[in-house]
Amino acid sequence: MKLSLALIVCAMFLYACEKERVCECKNAYSTYDAGQLKTTKSQAKKSCKELSTADTDCYLKK
């Protein structure tokens, strides 16, 4: 029981780590990298989404 709890805590810590992450944008003409961020995954998702416009959809690249 303690081992599984420890694994869950470690997984959550690794998920929230700051890493280099890349935003990718896609429109009718092309797909391109829009920049790099050194932040957590959730912050990067939010920042990438803010780059979106009416014609271009931006998201966190996997």
Protein backbone atom coordinates (compact mmCIF):
# COMPACT_ATOMS: atom_id res chain seq x y z
CA MET A 1 0.00 0.00 0.00
CA LYS A 2 2.77 2.44 0.93
CA LEU A 3 4.68 1.56 -2.23
CA SER A 4 1.73 2.36 -4.50
CA LEU A 5 1.16 5.66 -2.66
CA ALA A 6 4.83 6.55 -3.09
CA LEU A 7 4.65 5.74 -6.81
CA ILE A 8 1.60 7.97 -7.23
CA VAL A 9 3.32 10.85 -5.46
CA CYS A 10 6.43 10.44 -7.62
CA ALA A 11 4.34 10.34 -10.79
CA MET A 12 2.54 13.54 -9.81
CA PHE A 13 5.85 15.24 -9.10
CA LEU A 14 7.28 14.24 -12.47
CA TYR A 15 4.13 15.40 -14.25
CA ALA A 16 4.42 18.89 -12.75
CA CYS A 17 8.14 19.34 -13.43
CA GLU A 18 9.31 22.30 -15.43
CA LYS A 19 10.67 21.13 -18.75
CA GLU A 20 11.31 22.52 -22.21
CA ARG A 21 8.00 22.28 -24.02
CA VAL A 22 7.05 23.27 -27.58
CA CYS A 23 3.91 24.93 -28.88
CA GLU A 24 2.73 23.79 -32.29
CA CYS A 25 0.30 25.74 -34.45
CA LYS A 26 -1.75 24.51 -37.38
CA ASN A 27 -3.71 26.41 -40.01
CA ALA A 28 -5.08 25.61 -43.45
CA TYR A 29 -1.65 26.07 -45.04
CA SER A 30 0.88 24.51 -42.67
CA THR A 31 1.87 23.20 -39.26
CA TYR A 32 4.75 24.89 -37.48
CA ASP A 33 6.48 25.18 -34.10
CA ALA A 34 5.52 28.46 -32.45
CA GLY A 35 8.15 28.54 -29.70
CA GLN A 36 9.60 26.87 -26.65
CA LEU A 37 8.58 27.33 -23.04
CA LYS A 38 10.28 26.18 -19.87
CA THR A 39 7.30 25.56 -17.65
CA THR A 40 4.97 22.90 -16.30
CA LYS A 41 2.73 20.95 -18.64
CA SER A 42 -0.46 22.66 -17.51
CA GLN A 43 1.04 26.15 -17.84
CA ALA A 44 2.42 25.28 -21.28
CA LYS A 45 -0.99 24.07 -22.47
CA LYS A 46 -2.54 27.34 -21.36
CA SER A 47 0.18 29.47 -22.97
CA CYS A 48 0.00 27.57 -26.26
CA LYS A 49 -3.77 27.87 -26.40
CA GLU A 50 -3.45 31.66 -25.97
CA LEU A 51 -1.48 31.78 -29.24
CA SER A 52 -4.51 30.52 -31.18
CA THR A 53 -6.38 32.88 -33.50
CA ALA A 54 -9.51 32.53 -35.62
CA ASP A 55 -7.60 30.77 -38.42
CA THR A 56 -4.82 29.10 -36.44
CA ASP A 57 -5.11 26.46 -33.72
CA CYS A 58 -2.15 26.18 -31.31
CA TYR A 59 -1.54 23.43 -28.78
CA LEU A 60 1.19 21.76 -26.76
CA LYS A 61 3.24 19.49 -28.97
CA LYS A 62 3.55 15.92 -27.68
